[in-house]
């Protein structure tokens, strides 16, 4: 969140806060700044100076995943094969959804606390829409699939993978299987069949 370089002690505190918050989110514990301060062994004021709200802290935790997905979206746009581009991007998205506990809450939030979060989410939506439009124009996906359908479909896969899997590795494998099934249903029927 901070744009100016931090003193060494402040930077250590920032890193500690983010690490503790990451652990809490990964454990499935709701993010409360007072709990973060207690677990980090820091004063509550120190945590609030770095992160005025739990949402700002959660968005900070999710930022590396969002940045990686945005980069993958840009890379997918350079793929000349519209089907492969869409498929590979959606695969990375669903992997992130089942691997990073912070992502679903931040992605589903109707408003963002940090401008960077808004920028990254906009980039992801744009990449998904463009990839789907390219695939539709190439005739490789069903024409009735709308861009607005992608997010709920991907969230459904991630939710089902969480519910029907045990370990994180199981969740990824299950999400891959569910995505393959979804993609099979989205694929346009070749004209000769």
Protein backbone atom coordinates (compact mmCIF):
# COMPACT_ATOMS: atom_id res chain seq x y z
CA UNK A 1 0.00 0.00 0.00
CA UNK A 2 2.84 2.39 0.80
CA UNK A 3 4.38 4.18 -2.18
CA UNK A 4 7.41 5.74 -0.50
CA UNK A 5 10.28 3.50 0.63
CA UNK A 6 9.84 2.30 4.20
CA UNK A 7 12.43 2.41 6.93
CA UNK A 8 13.94 -1.00 7.59
CA UNK A 9 11.92 -1.56 10.76
CA UNK A 10 8.71 -0.42 9.07
CA UNK A 11 9.44 -2.68 6.09
CA UNK A 12 9.98 -5.63 8.44
CA UNK A 13 6.68 -4.85 10.15
CA UNK A 14 4.90 -4.61 6.79
CA UNK A 15 6.36 -7.97 5.72
CA UNK A 16 5.39 -9.53 9.06
CA UNK A 17 1.82 -8.23 8.83
CA UNK A 18 1.41 -9.55 5.29
CA UNK A 19 2.91 -12.95 6.21
CA UNK A 20 0.65 -13.35 9.23
CA UNK A 21 -2.41 -12.25 7.26
CA UNK A 22 -1.51 -14.69 4.47
CA UNK A 23 -1.37 -17.52 7.04
CA UNK A 24 -4.75 -16.53 8.48
CA UNK A 25 -6.37 -16.40 5.05
CA UNK A 26 -4.84 -19.76 4.10
CA UNK A 27 -6.22 -21.24 7.33
CA UNK A 28 -9.68 -19.95 6.42
CA UNK A 29 -9.73 -17.53 9.36
CA UNK A 30 -11.60 -14.25 8.75
CA UNK A 31 -9.14 -11.39 8.50
CA UNK A 32 -9.38 -9.05 11.51
CA UNK A 33 -6.66 -6.42 11.93
CA UNK A 34 -6.61 -6.83 15.72
CA UNK A 35 -5.99 -10.57 15.31
CA UNK A 36 -3.22 -9.88 12.80
CA UNK A 37 -1.56 -7.48 15.25
CA UNK A 38 -1.76 -9.95 18.11
CA UNK A 39 -0.43 -12.86 16.06
CA UNK A 40 2.33 -10.70 14.53
CA UNK A 41 3.38 -9.44 17.96
CA UNK A 42 2.83 -5.84 16.89
CA UNK A 43 0.74 -2.99 18.18
CA UNK A 44 -2.66 -2.51 16.63
CA UNK A 45 -1.68 1.03 15.62
CA UNK A 46 1.26 -0.33 13.62
CA UNK A 47 -1.02 -2.61 11.64
CA UNK A 48 -3.57 0.17 11.03
CA UNK A 49 -0.82 2.56 9.87
CA UNK A 50 0.13 0.11 7.14
CA UNK A 51 -3.38 -1.16 6.35
CA UNK A 52 -6.34 1.02 7.34
CA UNK A 53 -8.85 -1.78 6.64
CA UNK A 54 -8.92 -5.55 6.47
CA UNK A 55 -9.96 -5.21 2.82
CA UNK A 56 -6.79 -3.27 2.00
CA UNK A 57 -4.71 -6.00 3.63
CA UNK A 58 -6.62 -8.76 1.84
CA UNK A 59 -6.19 -7.01 -1.51
CA UNK A 60 -2.45 -6.68 -0.79
CA UNK A 61 -2.28 -10.41 -0.15
CA UNK A 62 -4.16 -11.18 -3.37
CA UNK A 63 -2.12 -8.76 -5.50
CA UNK A 64 0.70 -11.17 -6.49
CA UNK A 65 -1.84 -13.72 -7.73
CA UNK A 66 -3.84 -11.07 -9.60
CA UNK A 67 -0.63 -9.72 -11.16
CA UNK A 68 0.42 -13.19 -12.30
CA UNK A 69 -3.01 -13.80 -13.83
CA UNK A 70 -2.98 -10.42 -15.58
CA UNK A 71 0.42 -11.28 -17.06
CA UNK A 72 -0.89 -14.66 -18.19
CA UNK A 73 -3.87 -12.92 -19.78
CA UNK A 74 -1.56 -10.68 -21.79
CA UNK A 75 0.51 -13.70 -22.81
CA UNK A 76 -2.60 -15.63 -23.85
CA UNK A 77 -3.57 -12.74 -26.13
CA UNK A 78 -0.38 -13.35 -28.15
CA UNK A 79 -1.34 -16.99 -28.87
CA UNK A 80 -2.44 -17.29 -32.50
CA UNK A 81 -4.74 -20.25 -31.73
CA UNK A 82 -7.95 -18.77 -30.25
CA UNK A 83 -9.07 -22.03 -28.64
CA UNK A 84 -5.69 -22.77 -27.07
CA UNK A 85 -5.41 -19.17 -25.84
CA UNK A 86 -8.80 -19.26 -24.10
CA UNK A 87 -8.24 -22.74 -22.72
CA UNK A 88 -4.80 -21.97 -21.28
CA UNK A 89 -5.98 -18.72 -19.70
CA UNK A 90 -9.00 -20.36 -18.07
CA UNK A 91 -6.78 -23.17 -16.81
CA UNK A 92 -4.49 -20.64 -15.06
CA UNK A 93 -7.50 -18.82 -13.62
CA UNK A 94 -9.05 -21.95 -12.12
CA UNK A 95 -5.69 -23.08 -10.74
CA UNK A 96 -5.32 -19.72 -9.01
CA UNK A 97 -8.87 -19.88 -7.67
CA UNK A 98 -8.29 -23.21 -5.95
CA UNK A 99 -4.73 -22.42 -4.83
CA UNK A 100 -5.00 -18.89 -3.44
CA UNK A 101 -7.58 -18.46 -0.67
CA UNK A 102 -7.52 -14.66 -0.99
CA UNK A 103 -8.47 -14.57 -4.65
CA UNK A 104 -12.16 -15.45 -4.57
CA UNK A 105 -13.09 -12.86 -1.94
CA UNK A 106 -11.16 -10.08 -3.67
CA UNK A 107 -12.42 -11.04 -7.13
CA UNK A 108 -16.04 -11.15 -5.94
CA UNK A 109 -15.95 -7.85 -4.05
CA UNK A 110 -18.21 -5.25 -5.70
CA UNK A 111 -15.80 -2.43 -4.81
CA UNK A 112 -12.06 -2.31 -4.31
CA UNK A 113 -10.06 -0.51 -1.66
CA UNK A 114 -6.82 -0.22 -3.62
CA UNK A 115 -6.62 1.32 -7.10
CA UNK A 116 -4.16 -1.41 -8.15
CA UNK A 117 -6.78 -4.07 -7.42
CA UNK A 118 -9.29 -2.31 -9.67
CA UNK A 119 -6.68 -2.04 -12.42
CA UNK A 120 -5.75 -5.74 -12.19
CA UNK A 121 -9.37 -6.92 -12.13
CA UNK A 122 -10.14 -4.73 -15.15
CA UNK A 123 -7.15 -6.24 -16.99
CA UNK A 124 -8.34 -9.79 -16.23
CA UNK A 125 -11.90 -9.07 -17.38
CA UNK A 126 -10.60 -7.46 -20.55
CA UNK A 127 -8.32 -10.40 -21.34
CA UNK A 128 -11.10 -12.92 -20.73
CA UNK A 129 -13.55 -10.97 -22.88
CA UNK A 130 -11.06 -10.53 -25.72
CA UNK A 131 -10.04 -14.20 -25.62
CA UNK A 132 -13.67 -15.31 -25.68
CA UNK A 133 -14.53 -12.88 -28.50
CA UNK A 134 -11.59 -14.19 -30.56
CA UNK A 135 -12.67 -17.79 -29.96
CA UNK A 136 -16.28 -16.98 -30.84
CA UNK A 137 -15.22 -15.16 -34.04
CA UNK A 138 -13.08 -18.18 -35.00
CA UNK A 139 -16.13 -20.41 -34.52
CA UNK A 140 -14.47 -22.61 -31.89
CA UNK A 141 -16.84 -21.83 -28.99
CA UNK A 142 -20.60 -21.83 -28.80
CA UNK A 143 -22.00 -18.54 -30.09
CA UNK A 144 -24.40 -18.23 -27.15
CA UNK A 145 -21.61 -18.06 -24.55
CA UNK A 146 -21.42 -14.49 -23.22
CA UNK A 147 -18.41 -12.87 -21.58
CA UNK A 148 -20.47 -12.37 -18.43
CA UNK A 149 -20.85 -16.17 -18.22
CA UNK A 150 -17.14 -16.82 -17.73
CA UNK A 151 -16.77 -15.56 -14.16
CA UNK A 152 -19.75 -17.51 -12.73
CA UNK A 153 -18.68 -20.65 -14.58
CA UNK A 154 -15.11 -20.41 -13.28
CA UNK A 155 -16.34 -19.65 -9.76
CA UNK A 156 -18.61 -22.70 -9.96
CA UNK A 157 -15.70 -24.93 -10.90
CA UNK A 158 -13.55 -23.55 -8.09
CA UNK A 159 -16.33 -23.95 -5.55
CA UNK A 160 -17.07 -27.51 -6.64
CA UNK A 161 -13.35 -28.39 -6.53
CA UNK A 162 -13.13 -27.05 -2.97
CA UNK A 163 -16.20 -28.98 -1.84
CA UNK A 164 -15.32 -32.27 -3.53
CA UNK A 165 -11.57 -32.49 -2.89
CA UNK A 166 -9.33 -33.01 0.09
CA UNK A 167 -5.78 -31.79 -0.31
CA UNK A 168 -4.67 -28.76 -2.32
CA UNK A 169 -3.21 -31.11 -4.96
CA UNK A 170 -6.56 -32.90 -5.15
CA UNK A 171 -8.33 -29.55 -5.62
CA UNK A 172 -6.12 -28.63 -8.57
CA UNK A 173 -6.61 -32.04 -10.21
CA UNK A 174 -10.37 -31.88 -9.63
CA UNK A 175 -10.53 -28.32 -11.01
CA UNK A 176 -8.62 -29.43 -14.12
CA UNK A 177 -11.08 -32.28 -14.65
CA UNK A 178 -14.13 -30.04 -14.16
CA UNK A 179 -12.67 -27.38 -16.47
CA UNK A 180 -11.99 -29.96 -19.17
CA UNK A 181 -15.62 -31.05 -18.96
CA UNK A 182 -16.84 -27.45 -19.14
CA UNK A 183 -14.57 -26.65 -22.08
CA UNK A 184 -15.86 -29.73 -23.91
CA UNK A 185 -19.37 -28.34 -23.53
CA UNK A 186 -18.34 -24.88 -24.66
CA UNK A 187 -16.61 -26.04 -27.78
CA UNK A 188 -18.51 -25.36 -30.97
CA UNK A 189 -19.56 -28.41 -32.97
CA UNK A 190 -17.41 -28.72 -36.09
CA UNK A 191 -19.44 -27.87 -39.23
CA UNK A 192 -19.09 -31.40 -40.71
CA UNK A 193 -20.69 -33.25 -37.77
